[in-house]
Amino acid sequence: MSRTLVFDAPRHARGFFEALIADNLDIGRPHNVEIIFGRKIRRDTRGTFRTAIDRRDNGGVIVNLFYKHSRIKQYLKDGRAMRIETVVNAPPRVGLQRPSAQP
């Protein structure tokens, strides 16, 4: 699942994304994952809670959030669009049902 937010000027996109990075450095912590996935996280909840900030070769930055078998990736695309991609490899583990087969 993905979402793309396109800005009217590259400087607006860059400013928004830089603020997003600064505000989301701890997005992979359990209390934030609890809000994003709508799951109660307790001290004994198993799983990986991690945020990774990666640099691209072209100077871009990617913010990754890892939780169990899921990942959320946020990055600036073509300098004027913020892209948010969510990958859930094990839907039942985050409270989702698997999609039914298409006929």
N, C-alpha and C. Protein backbone atom coordinates (compact mmCIF):
# COMPACT_ATOMS: atom_id res chain seq x y z
N MET A 1 0.86 -1.14 0.00
CA MET A 1 0.00 0.00 0.00
C MET A 1 0.92 1.22 0.00
N SER A 2 0.57 2.25 -0.76
CA SER A 2 1.41 3.44 -0.79
C SER A 2 0.56 4.69 -0.92
N ARG A 3 1.20 5.79 -0.59
CA ARG A 3 0.55 7.11 -0.68
C ARG A 3 1.62 8.10 -1.11
N THR A 4 1.27 8.98 -2.04
CA THR A 4 2.20 10.00 -2.52
C THR A 4 1.56 11.37 -2.34
N LEU A 5 2.27 12.26 -1.66
CA LEU A 5 1.82 13.63 -1.45
C LEU A 5 2.69 14.54 -2.32
N VAL A 6 2.09 15.20 -3.30
CA VAL A 6 2.84 16.05 -4.22
C VAL A 6 2.71 17.50 -3.78
N PHE A 7 3.83 18.20 -3.70
CA PHE A 7 3.87 19.60 -3.30
C PHE A 7 4.00 20.49 -4.52
N ASP A 8 3.51 21.72 -4.42
CA ASP A 8 3.56 22.64 -5.56
C ASP A 8 4.96 23.17 -5.84
N ALA A 9 5.84 23.18 -4.86
CA ALA A 9 7.20 23.67 -5.06
C ALA A 9 8.17 22.73 -4.35
N PRO A 10 9.30 22.42 -5.00
CA PRO A 10 10.28 21.53 -4.36
C PRO A 10 10.74 22.01 -2.98
N ARG A 11 10.85 23.32 -2.78
CA ARG A 11 11.31 23.80 -1.47
C ARG A 11 10.31 23.48 -0.37
N HIS A 12 9.01 23.47 -0.70
CA HIS A 12 7.99 23.11 0.28
C HIS A 12 8.10 21.62 0.64
N ALA A 13 8.33 20.81 -0.38
CA ALA A 13 8.46 19.37 -0.16
C ALA A 13 9.69 19.09 0.70
N ARG A 14 10.79 19.72 0.38
CA ARG A 14 12.04 19.51 1.12
C ARG A 14 11.88 19.96 2.58
N GLY A 15 11.29 21.13 2.80
CA GLY A 15 11.09 21.63 4.16
C GLY A 15 10.19 20.71 4.97
N PHE A 16 9.10 20.23 4.35
CA PHE A 16 8.19 19.33 5.03
C PHE A 16 8.89 18.03 5.39
N PHE A 17 9.65 17.48 4.44
CA PHE A 17 10.31 16.20 4.67
C PHE A 17 11.40 16.32 5.73
N GLU A 18 12.15 17.41 5.73
CA GLU A 18 13.18 17.61 6.76
C GLU A 18 12.55 17.70 8.15
N ALA A 19 11.40 18.38 8.25
CA ALA A 19 10.69 18.45 9.54
C ALA A 19 10.18 17.07 9.94
N LEU A 20 9.70 16.30 8.97
CA LEU A 20 9.21 14.95 9.23
C LEU A 20 10.33 14.08 9.79
N ILE A 21 11.51 14.15 9.20
CA ILE A 21 12.63 13.35 9.68
C ILE A 21 12.97 13.74 11.12
N ALA A 22 13.06 15.04 11.38
CA ALA A 22 13.39 15.49 12.74
C ALA A 22 12.35 15.03 13.76
N ASP A 23 11.08 15.05 13.39
CA ASP A 23 10.01 14.66 14.31
C ASP A 23 9.86 13.15 14.45
N ASN A 24 10.35 12.37 13.48
CA ASN A 24 10.11 10.93 13.48
C ASN A 24 11.34 10.08 13.73
N LEU A 25 12.37 10.64 14.33
CA LEU A 25 13.56 9.84 14.62
C LEU A 25 13.26 8.68 15.56
N ASP A 26 12.23 8.81 16.38
CA ASP A 26 11.88 7.75 17.33
C ASP A 26 10.59 7.04 16.94
N ILE A 27 10.21 7.09 15.69
CA ILE A 27 8.93 6.51 15.25
C ILE A 27 8.87 5.00 15.46
N GLY A 28 10.01 4.33 15.50
CA GLY A 28 10.02 2.88 15.69
C GLY A 28 9.94 2.42 17.12
N ARG A 29 9.82 3.34 18.05
CA ARG A 29 9.70 2.95 19.46
C ARG A 29 8.31 2.40 19.73
N PRO A 30 8.21 1.48 20.69
CA PRO A 30 6.92 0.82 20.94
C PRO A 30 5.72 1.74 21.13
N HIS A 31 5.86 2.84 21.85
CA HIS A 31 4.69 3.71 22.09
C HIS A 31 4.22 4.38 20.80
N ASN A 32 5.10 4.57 19.82
CA ASN A 32 4.69 5.12 18.52
C ASN A 32 4.12 4.04 17.61
N VAL A 33 4.70 2.86 17.64
CA VAL A 33 4.19 1.74 16.85
C VAL A 33 2.77 1.41 17.29
N GLU A 34 2.52 1.53 18.57
CA GLU A 34 1.19 1.27 19.13
C GLU A 34 0.14 2.16 18.47
N ILE A 35 0.47 3.41 18.22
CA ILE A 35 -0.45 4.35 17.59
C ILE A 35 -0.63 4.03 16.11
N ILE A 36 0.47 3.78 15.43
CA ILE A 36 0.43 3.55 13.97
C ILE A 36 -0.36 2.29 13.63
N PHE A 37 -0.07 1.19 14.31
CA PHE A 37 -0.70 -0.08 13.99
C PHE A 37 -1.95 -0.37 14.81
N GLY A 38 -2.29 0.49 15.77
CA GLY A 38 -3.49 0.27 16.57
C GLY A 38 -3.42 -0.99 17.41
N ARG A 39 -2.23 -1.31 17.89
CA ARG A 39 -2.02 -2.51 18.69
C ARG A 39 -1.52 -2.12 20.07
N LYS A 40 -1.99 -2.78 21.09
CA LYS A 40 -1.51 -2.53 22.44
C LYS A 40 -0.14 -3.19 22.59
N ILE A 41 0.88 -2.39 22.85
CA ILE A 41 2.24 -2.90 23.03
C ILE A 41 2.55 -2.89 24.52
N ARG A 42 2.85 -4.08 25.04
CA ARG A 42 3.21 -4.20 26.45
C ARG A 42 4.70 -4.53 26.56
N ARG A 43 5.18 -4.56 27.76
CA ARG A 43 6.60 -4.84 27.99
C ARG A 43 7.01 -6.21 27.44
N ASP A 44 6.10 -7.18 27.47
CA ASP A 44 6.43 -8.53 27.01
C ASP A 44 6.06 -8.77 25.54
N THR A 45 5.64 -7.74 24.81
CA THR A 45 5.31 -7.88 23.39
C THR A 45 6.57 -8.20 22.60
N ARG A 46 6.50 -9.29 21.84
CA ARG A 46 7.65 -9.68 21.04
C ARG A 46 7.63 -8.95 19.71
N GLY A 47 8.79 -8.84 19.13
CA GLY A 47 8.88 -8.21 17.82
C GLY A 47 10.01 -7.21 17.76
N THR A 48 10.28 -6.76 16.56
CA THR A 48 11.34 -5.79 16.34
C THR A 48 10.73 -4.40 16.29
N PHE A 49 11.27 -3.50 17.06
CA PHE A 49 10.86 -2.10 17.04
C PHE A 49 12.10 -1.31 16.66
N ARG A 50 12.11 -0.75 15.44
CA ARG A 50 13.33 -0.11 15.00
C ARG A 50 13.04 0.97 13.99
N THR A 51 13.82 2.06 14.06
CA THR A 51 13.79 3.12 13.06
C THR A 51 15.17 3.13 12.41
N ALA A 52 15.20 3.24 11.10
CA ALA A 52 16.47 3.34 10.38
C ALA A 52 16.40 4.52 9.43
N ILE A 53 17.41 5.35 9.48
CA ILE A 53 17.53 6.48 8.55
C ILE A 53 18.64 6.11 7.59
N ASP A 54 18.32 5.98 6.31
CA ASP A 54 19.29 5.60 5.29
C ASP A 54 19.51 6.75 4.32
N ARG A 55 20.74 6.89 3.88
CA ARG A 55 21.07 7.90 2.87
C ARG A 55 21.17 7.22 1.52
N ARG A 56 20.61 7.87 0.51
CA ARG A 56 20.72 7.39 -0.86
C ARG A 56 21.98 7.95 -1.50
N ASP A 57 22.38 7.39 -2.63
CA ASP A 57 23.54 7.89 -3.37
C ASP A 57 23.31 9.29 -3.91
N ASN A 58 22.07 9.63 -4.24
CA ASN A 58 21.77 10.94 -4.82
C ASN A 58 21.50 12.02 -3.76
N GLY A 59 21.83 11.74 -2.51
CA GLY A 59 21.66 12.73 -1.46
C GLY A 59 20.34 12.67 -0.73
N GLY A 60 19.43 11.80 -1.16
CA GLY A 60 18.14 11.67 -0.50
C GLY A 60 18.23 10.87 0.78
N VAL A 61 17.17 10.92 1.54
CA VAL A 61 17.10 10.22 2.83
C VAL A 61 15.84 9.36 2.85
N ILE A 62 15.96 8.18 3.42
CA ILE A 62 14.82 7.27 3.56
C ILE A 62 14.63 6.99 5.04
N VAL A 63 13.40 7.15 5.54
CA VAL A 63 13.06 6.82 6.92
C VAL A 63 12.31 5.49 6.89
N ASN A 64 12.85 4.50 7.60
CA ASN A 64 12.23 3.18 7.67
C ASN A 64 11.79 2.89 9.10
N LEU A 65 10.60 2.34 9.24
CA LEU A 65 10.09 1.87 10.52
C LEU A 65 9.86 0.37 10.37
N PHE A 66 10.42 -0.41 11.28
CA PHE A 66 10.25 -1.86 11.24
C PHE A 66 9.48 -2.30 12.47
N TYR A 67 8.45 -3.13 12.25
CA TYR A 67 7.66 -3.71 13.34
C TYR A 67 7.23 -5.10 12.91
N LYS A 68 7.69 -6.11 13.63
CA LYS A 68 7.43 -7.51 13.31
C LYS A 68 7.78 -7.77 11.85
N HIS A 69 6.81 -8.18 11.04
CA HIS A 69 7.07 -8.46 9.63
C HIS A 69 6.53 -7.35 8.74
N SER A 70 6.55 -6.12 9.24
CA SER A 70 6.02 -4.98 8.49
C SER A 70 7.08 -3.90 8.39
N ARG A 71 6.93 -3.07 7.37
CA ARG A 71 7.85 -1.95 7.20
C ARG A 71 7.10 -0.76 6.62
N ILE A 72 7.40 0.42 7.13
CA ILE A 72 6.90 1.66 6.56
C ILE A 72 8.12 2.44 6.09
N LYS A 73 8.09 2.87 4.85
CA LYS A 73 9.22 3.60 4.27
C LYS A 73 8.71 4.95 3.79
N GLN A 74 9.41 6.03 4.19
CA GLN A 74 9.06 7.38 3.78
C GLN A 74 10.27 8.01 3.11
N TYR A 75 10.05 8.63 1.95
CA TYR A 75 11.15 9.28 1.27
C TYR A 75 10.63 10.35 0.34
N LEU A 76 11.53 11.22 -0.09
CA LEU A 76 11.20 12.30 -1.01
C LEU A 76 11.47 11.81 -2.42
N LYS A 77 10.45 11.84 -3.27
CA LYS A 77 10.56 11.32 -4.63
C LYS A 77 10.64 12.49 -5.61
N ASP A 78 11.65 12.48 -6.44
CA ASP A 78 11.85 13.49 -7.49
C ASP A 78 11.86 14.91 -6.93
N GLY A 79 12.21 15.06 -5.66
CA GLY A 79 12.36 16.38 -5.07
C GLY A 79 11.09 17.15 -4.80
N ARG A 80 9.93 16.60 -5.15
CA ARG A 80 8.69 17.35 -4.91
C ARG A 80 7.51 16.52 -4.43
N ALA A 81 7.73 15.26 -4.16
CA ALA A 81 6.64 14.41 -3.68
C ALA A 81 7.13 13.54 -2.53
N MET A 82 6.35 13.48 -1.47
CA MET A 82 6.68 12.61 -0.36
C MET A 82 5.95 11.30 -0.56
N ARG A 83 6.70 10.22 -0.53
CA ARG A 83 6.14 8.90 -0.77
C ARG A 83 6.18 8.11 0.54
N ILE A 84 5.06 7.46 0.86
CA ILE A 84 4.95 6.62 2.04
C ILE A 84 4.51 5.23 1.57
N GLU A 85 5.35 4.24 1.80
CA GLU A 85 5.06 2.87 1.38
C GLU A 85 4.96 1.99 2.61
N THR A 86 3.90 1.18 2.68
CA THR A 86 3.69 0.27 3.79
C THR A 86 3.66 -1.15 3.25
N VAL A 87 4.48 -2.01 3.82
CA VAL A 87 4.53 -3.41 3.43
C VAL A 87 4.22 -4.24 4.66
N VAL A 88 3.20 -5.10 4.57
CA VAL A 88 2.83 -5.99 5.66
C VAL A 88 2.95 -7.41 5.12
N ASN A 89 4.00 -8.13 5.54
CA ASN A 89 4.24 -9.48 5.04
C ASN A 89 3.48 -10.56 5.79
N ALA A 90 3.02 -10.26 6.98
CA ALA A 90 2.25 -11.22 7.76
C ALA A 90 1.04 -10.48 8.35
N PRO A 91 -0.02 -10.26 7.55
CA PRO A 91 -1.17 -9.47 8.00
C PRO A 91 -1.77 -9.89 9.34
N PRO A 92 -1.95 -11.19 9.64
CA PRO A 92 -2.55 -11.54 10.93
C PRO A 92 -1.74 -11.05 12.13
N ARG A 93 -0.44 -10.90 12.00
CA ARG A 93 0.40 -10.46 13.12
C ARG A 93 0.16 -9.01 13.50
N VAL A 94 -0.38 -8.22 12.61
CA VAL A 94 -0.68 -6.82 12.93
C VAL A 94 -2.19 -6.57 12.94
N GLY A 95 -2.97 -7.65 13.07
CA GLY A 95 -4.41 -7.51 13.22
C GLY A 95 -5.18 -7.34 11.93
N LEU A 96 -4.59 -7.69 10.79
CA LEU A 96 -5.27 -7.59 9.50
C LEU A 96 -5.60 -8.98 8.98
N GLN A 97 -6.63 -9.05 8.14
CA GLN A 97 -6.95 -10.31 7.49
C GLN A 97 -6.21 -10.38 6.16
N ARG A 98 -5.88 -11.58 5.77
CA ARG A 98 -5.25 -11.77 4.45
C ARG A 98 -6.29 -11.46 3.38
N PRO A 99 -5.85 -10.85 2.25
CA PRO A 99 -6.81 -10.61 1.18
C PRO A 99 -7.30 -11.93 0.59
N SER A 100 -8.57 -11.97 0.22
CA SER A 100 -9.11 -13.18 -0.39
C SER A 100 -8.62 -13.29 -1.82
N ALA A 101 -8.56 -14.50 -2.32
CA ALA A 101 -8.07 -14.76 -3.69
C ALA A 101 -9.05 -14.19 -4.71
N GLN A 102 -8.53 -13.61 -5.75
CA GLN A 102 -9.35 -13.06 -6.83
C GLN A 102 -9.81 -14.19 -7.74
N PRO A 103 -11.09 -14.23 -8.15
CA PRO A 103 -11.57 -15.33 -9.03
C PRO A 103 -11.05 -15.18 -10.44
